[in-house]
Protein backbone atom coordinates (compact mmCIF):
# COMPACT_ATOMS: atom_id res chain seq x y z
CA MET A 1 -31.04 -40.82 34.84
CA ARG A 2 -33.94 -41.49 32.46
CA VAL A 3 -37.29 -40.15 33.67
CA PRO A 4 -40.50 -40.94 31.74
CA PHE A 5 -42.82 -38.07 30.81
CA THR A 6 -46.08 -37.57 28.92
CA LYS A 7 -46.77 -34.63 26.61
CA MET A 8 -50.41 -33.45 26.82
CA HIS A 9 -52.54 -30.49 25.84
CA GLY A 10 -55.87 -28.88 26.59
CA LEU A 11 -57.03 -26.86 23.56
CA GLY A 12 -53.41 -26.36 22.53
CA ASN A 13 -52.26 -25.18 25.96
CA ASP A 14 -49.52 -27.82 26.27
CA PHE A 15 -47.88 -29.58 29.18
CA VAL A 16 -45.22 -32.07 30.15
CA VAL A 17 -46.59 -34.29 32.94
CA LEU A 18 -44.36 -36.13 35.42
CA ASP A 19 -45.45 -38.88 37.79
CA GLN A 20 -43.97 -37.97 41.19
CA LEU A 21 -45.83 -40.77 42.95
CA THR A 22 -43.63 -43.68 41.91
CA GLN A 23 -40.54 -41.49 41.47
CA ASN A 24 -39.51 -38.21 43.05
CA HIS A 25 -37.08 -36.06 41.10
CA PHE A 26 -36.05 -32.48 41.73
CA ILE A 27 -36.13 -30.32 38.61
CA GLY A 28 -34.85 -26.78 39.15
CA GLN A 29 -35.88 -23.55 37.46
CA LYS A 30 -32.97 -23.59 35.00
CA LYS A 31 -33.77 -27.15 33.87
CA ILE A 32 -37.48 -26.33 33.45
CA LYS A 33 -36.60 -23.38 31.21
CA GLU A 34 -34.33 -25.62 29.13
CA LEU A 35 -37.00 -28.30 28.76
CA SER A 36 -39.70 -25.77 27.81
CA ASP A 37 -37.65 -24.39 24.91
CA ARG A 38 -39.48 -25.31 21.70
CA LYS A 39 -36.29 -25.45 19.61
CA ARG A 40 -33.77 -26.99 22.01
CA GLY A 41 -36.04 -28.84 24.45
CA ILE A 42 -39.39 -30.60 24.45
CA GLY A 43 -41.43 -27.42 24.41
CA PHE A 44 -44.38 -26.70 26.71
CA ASP A 45 -46.35 -23.93 28.38
CA GLN A 46 -46.33 -25.60 31.81
CA LEU A 47 -44.77 -28.55 33.65
CA ILE A 48 -47.15 -30.59 35.83
CA PHE A 49 -46.24 -32.76 38.82
CA ILE A 50 -48.57 -35.58 39.91
CA GLU A 51 -47.87 -35.86 43.64
CA PRO A 52 -49.15 -37.95 46.58
CA PRO A 53 -52.05 -36.50 48.60
CA THR A 54 -51.16 -34.01 51.31
CA THR A 55 -54.29 -34.71 53.41
CA PRO A 56 -56.61 -37.72 53.80
CA GLU A 57 -59.48 -35.82 52.14
CA VAL A 58 -57.85 -35.70 48.68
CA ASP A 59 -56.58 -38.25 46.18
CA PHE A 60 -53.58 -36.37 44.72
CA ASN A 61 -51.65 -33.10 44.92
CA PHE A 62 -51.26 -30.86 41.85
CA ARG A 63 -48.20 -28.65 41.20
CA VAL A 64 -47.60 -26.51 38.12
CA PHE A 65 -44.56 -24.62 36.81
CA ASN A 66 -44.58 -22.06 34.00
CA ALA A 67 -42.15 -22.23 31.09
CA ASP A 68 -39.94 -19.67 32.87
CA GLY A 69 -39.49 -22.12 35.77
CA GLN A 70 -41.66 -20.26 38.27
CA GLU A 71 -44.20 -22.29 40.22
CA ILE A 72 -47.76 -21.01 39.85
CA GLU A 73 -50.87 -21.45 41.93
CA HIS A 74 -53.24 -23.13 39.49
CA CYS A 75 -53.94 -24.07 35.85
CA GLY A 76 -57.38 -24.95 34.51
CA ASN A 77 -56.35 -26.72 31.30
CA GLY A 78 -53.63 -28.47 33.27
CA ALA A 79 -56.21 -29.71 35.76
CA ARG A 80 -58.15 -31.49 33.00
CA CYS A 81 -54.91 -33.06 31.71
CA PHE A 82 -54.09 -34.08 35.29
CA TYR A 83 -57.38 -36.00 35.45
CA ARG A 84 -56.84 -37.62 32.04
CA TYR A 85 -53.30 -38.68 33.03
CA VAL A 86 -54.17 -40.36 36.35
CA ARG A 87 -57.08 -42.20 34.72
CA ASP A 88 -55.10 -43.30 31.63
CA LYS A 89 -52.17 -44.47 33.77
CA ARG A 90 -54.54 -46.26 36.17
CA LEU A 91 -53.20 -44.34 39.13
CA THR A 92 -56.80 -44.35 40.37
CA TRP A 93 -59.94 -46.32 39.58
CA LYS A 94 -62.20 -43.54 40.84
CA LYS A 95 -64.23 -41.62 38.29
CA ASN A 96 -64.60 -38.62 40.60
CA ILE A 97 -61.44 -37.43 42.33
CA LYS A 98 -60.33 -34.60 44.61
CA VAL A 99 -57.00 -32.86 44.08
CA SER A 100 -55.25 -30.26 46.24
CA THR A 101 -53.33 -27.31 44.79
CA GLU A 102 -50.30 -25.35 45.96
CA LEU A 103 -52.50 -22.83 47.82
CA GLY A 104 -54.51 -25.56 49.51
CA HIS A 105 -57.59 -25.32 47.31
CA VAL A 106 -59.39 -28.56 46.51
CA LEU A 107 -60.51 -29.23 42.92
CA GLU A 108 -63.10 -31.88 42.14
CA MET A 109 -62.64 -33.59 38.77
CA SER A 110 -65.01 -35.90 36.92
CA PRO A 111 -65.73 -37.30 33.42
CA ALA A 112 -68.09 -35.39 31.13
CA PRO A 113 -69.96 -36.41 27.95
CA HIS A 114 -68.10 -36.86 24.65
CA GLY A 115 -64.82 -37.73 26.38
CA MET A 116 -64.45 -34.35 28.03
CA VAL A 117 -63.46 -33.55 31.63
CA SER A 118 -65.24 -31.32 34.15
CA VAL A 119 -63.38 -29.54 36.93
CA SER A 120 -65.10 -27.89 39.86
CA MET A 121 -62.87 -24.85 40.22
CA VAL A 122 -62.56 -22.53 43.21
CA SER A 123 -65.16 -19.81 43.57
CA PRO A 124 -64.07 -16.51 41.93
CA ASN A 125 -62.66 -14.09 44.49
CA PHE A 126 -62.97 -10.36 43.86
CA LYS A 127 -61.35 -9.21 47.11
CA THR A 128 -58.46 -6.81 46.57
CA GLU A 129 -56.06 -8.51 48.97
CA GLN A 130 -56.76 -11.96 47.55
CA ILE A 131 -56.03 -11.17 43.89
CA PRO A 132 -53.78 -9.27 44.92
CA ILE A 133 -53.85 -5.66 43.68
CA THR A 134 -52.71 -2.46 45.37
CA LEU A 135 -55.88 -0.54 44.42
CA GLU A 136 -59.17 -0.68 46.29
CA GLN A 137 -61.88 -2.50 44.33
CA ASN A 138 -65.56 -2.74 45.19
CA ASN A 139 -67.08 -6.08 44.22
CA ASN A 140 -69.04 -4.69 41.27
CA ASP A 141 -66.56 -2.12 40.02
CA LEU A 142 -63.98 -2.16 37.28
CA ILE A 143 -60.65 -0.56 38.13
CA GLU A 144 -58.87 2.01 35.99
CA VAL A 145 -55.22 1.56 35.03
CA THR A 146 -53.27 4.15 33.04
CA LEU A 147 -50.49 3.24 30.62
CA LYS A 148 -48.75 6.00 28.65
CA ASN A 149 -51.70 8.41 28.94
CA GLU A 150 -54.23 5.71 27.97
CA THR A 151 -56.70 4.52 30.61
CA TYR A 152 -58.10 0.99 30.60
CA GLU A 153 -61.00 -0.42 32.62
CA LEU A 154 -60.21 -3.86 34.00
CA GLY A 155 -62.20 -6.50 35.81
CA MET A 156 -60.04 -8.08 38.51
CA VAL A 157 -60.53 -11.55 39.97
CA SER A 158 -58.60 -14.44 41.49
CA MET A 159 -59.26 -17.97 40.30
CA GLY A 160 -56.60 -19.26 42.67
CA ASN A 161 -54.25 -17.17 40.50
CA PRO A 162 -54.54 -13.46 39.58
CA HIS A 163 -56.40 -12.29 36.46
CA CYS A 164 -57.46 -9.04 34.87
CA VAL A 165 -60.06 -8.96 32.10
CA LEU A 166 -60.33 -6.24 29.46
CA LEU A 167 -63.45 -5.93 27.28
CA VAL A 168 -62.54 -5.39 23.60
CA PRO A 169 -64.76 -4.87 20.51
CA ASP A 170 -62.81 -7.24 18.24
CA ILE A 171 -60.56 -9.99 19.58
CA ASN A 172 -58.77 -10.35 16.24
CA VAL A 173 -57.21 -6.87 16.36
CA ALA A 174 -56.74 -6.55 20.13
CA PRO A 175 -53.15 -5.55 21.09
CA VAL A 176 -52.66 -8.74 23.09
CA LYS A 177 -48.86 -8.92 23.10
CA ARG A 178 -48.13 -5.20 23.57
CA LEU A 179 -50.78 -4.52 26.19
CA GLY A 180 -50.48 -7.93 27.80
CA GLN A 181 -46.77 -7.40 28.44
CA GLN A 182 -47.38 -3.97 29.96
CA LEU A 183 -50.32 -4.92 32.17
CA ARG A 184 -48.74 -8.17 33.34
CA ILE A 185 -45.98 -6.34 35.20
CA HIS A 186 -47.87 -3.17 36.16
CA PRO A 187 -46.95 -1.94 39.69
CA HIS A 188 -50.58 -2.37 40.81
CA PHE A 189 -50.12 -6.16 40.52
CA PRO A 190 -47.41 -7.22 43.03
CA GLU A 191 -47.50 -10.88 41.92
CA GLN A 192 -47.99 -9.99 38.25
CA VAL A 193 -51.24 -10.91 36.53
CA ASN A 194 -52.69 -12.94 33.66
CA VAL A 195 -54.33 -10.63 31.14
CA GLY A 196 -57.54 -11.63 29.34
CA PHE A 197 -58.95 -9.85 26.27
CA MET A 198 -62.66 -10.65 25.96
CA GLU A 199 -65.15 -9.98 23.17
CA VAL A 200 -68.77 -10.57 24.20
CA VAL A 201 -70.68 -12.02 21.22
CA THR A 202 -73.91 -12.88 23.07
CA PRO A 203 -74.80 -13.27 26.77
CA THR A 204 -73.89 -16.97 26.44
CA ARG A 205 -70.89 -16.75 24.10
CA VAL A 206 -67.55 -14.93 24.30
CA LYS A 207 -64.26 -14.92 22.42
CA LEU A 208 -61.07 -14.75 24.48
CA ARG A 209 -57.32 -14.40 24.18
CA VAL A 210 -55.05 -14.57 27.23
CA TYR A 211 -51.52 -13.32 27.86
CA GLU A 212 -50.18 -15.48 30.68
CA ARG A 213 -47.52 -14.77 33.29
CA GLY A 214 -44.24 -16.51 32.54
CA VAL A 215 -45.47 -17.86 29.19
CA GLY A 216 -46.93 -15.17 26.92
CA GLU A 217 -50.04 -15.68 24.82
CA THR A 218 -51.22 -19.30 24.79
CA LEU A 219 -53.78 -21.04 22.58
CA ALA A 220 -56.02 -21.48 25.63
CA CYS A 221 -56.16 -20.67 29.34
CA GLY A 222 -58.64 -22.49 31.57
CA THR A 223 -58.45 -20.19 34.59
CA GLY A 224 -58.48 -17.24 32.16
CA ALA A 225 -61.75 -18.51 30.67
CA CYS A 226 -63.21 -18.83 34.16
CA ALA A 227 -62.00 -15.34 35.08
CA ALA A 228 -63.56 -13.83 31.95
CA VAL A 229 -66.93 -15.44 32.65
CA ALA A 230 -66.78 -14.42 36.32
CA VAL A 231 -66.17 -10.78 35.41
CA GLY A 232 -68.80 -10.98 32.65
CA ILE A 233 -71.43 -12.26 35.07
CA GLN A 234 -70.38 -9.75 37.72
CA GLN A 235 -70.81 -6.90 35.24
CA GLY A 236 -74.11 -8.19 33.87
CA TRP A 237 -72.68 -8.96 30.43
CA LEU A 238 -73.16 -12.74 30.64
CA GLN A 239 -75.58 -15.36 31.90
CA GLU A 240 -74.58 -18.17 34.26
CA ARG A 241 -73.65 -20.55 31.41
CA ALA A 242 -71.26 -19.42 28.68
CA ARG A 243 -69.22 -20.89 25.84
CA VAL A 244 -65.71 -19.42 25.78
CA GLU A 245 -64.03 -19.59 22.38
CA LEU A 246 -60.24 -19.57 22.50
CA GLN A 247 -57.72 -19.91 19.70
CA GLY A 248 -57.28 -23.61 20.49
CA GLY A 249 -60.99 -24.47 20.82
CA TYR A 250 -63.76 -23.83 23.30
CA LEU A 251 -64.69 -24.42 26.94
CA HIS A 252 -68.06 -24.50 28.68
CA ILE A 253 -68.16 -22.50 31.91
CA LYS A 254 -70.98 -22.45 34.47
CA TRP A 255 -71.23 -20.29 37.58
CA LYS A 256 -74.30 -19.56 39.70
CA GLY A 257 -72.64 -16.69 41.54
CA ASP A 258 -71.76 -15.87 45.15
CA GLU A 259 -69.44 -18.46 46.70
CA THR A 260 -70.53 -21.40 44.56
CA PRO A 261 -67.76 -23.22 42.65
CA MET A 262 -67.28 -22.56 38.95
CA ILE A 263 -67.56 -25.60 36.66
CA MET A 264 -65.23 -25.78 33.65
CA THR A 265 -65.73 -28.50 31.01
CA GLY A 266 -63.45 -29.20 28.07
CA PRO A 267 -61.09 -31.69 26.40
CA ALA A 268 -57.72 -33.07 27.51
CA GLU A 269 -55.48 -35.03 25.16
CA SER A 270 -52.29 -37.10 25.36
CA VAL A 271 -49.83 -36.41 22.53
CA PHE A 272 -46.77 -38.61 23.04
CA GLU A 273 -44.48 -40.14 25.65
CA GLY A 274 -40.72 -40.03 26.10
CA HIS A 275 -37.88 -39.86 28.59
CA LEU A 276 -35.98 -36.94 30.13
CA GLU A 277 -32.27 -37.24 30.81
CA LEU A 278 -31.61 -35.86 34.31
């Protein structure tokens, strides 16, 4: 069976997007891993499903699978590509849409200047049981994690998916792969964790690299950018508006604190279209 797909990316974080509105195909974990292979498959960081709404209050449902085939809770760059896809394919005529996620969160998406897309993300959650982590964390505290006699201070937050953020002096020499692999599967993180390495340049500008669960380091991570800014504001390092510079480009993040939503603005691009053989 031939199934059409669209290859997209947000700052180099790349996706295969499938329309599950007009067709509904099951793709198992093994097949996702095969398709994500960059030498033998299409190659992507995540697979996105565009699904019918689950409640009358939303326009679509959003599902995301990592390259290892595991379904994840959320993806910021994927959300912007989701919006670009449904608009380009004329699946909606609305400029402002609401989309539900696997955990039942509702994201609001809208056009932004210069062809960019804004997504009203969930409010950052610093509660231990919501991230989740096995250590107790006060809202304004960093936690300490020890690896091979070295102790690291981490900011922990959920953006609908779990993140830890490590402040580093120079992003270019940060041990992203080595430390990212070790922290990702640390016993304190029962659902694993995305690991962000953040260099604060000014109170309105940071540099960031992210080691993602089920993928490894990517050129960009939207929820990782939001997590870094949330921790930065929480710790008093950043102001409420910040430019996050990733290897694939930059995002603008705005958060007024407390339980207000975080606004992420950035590009989303279509690359090519093709067909899967299922």
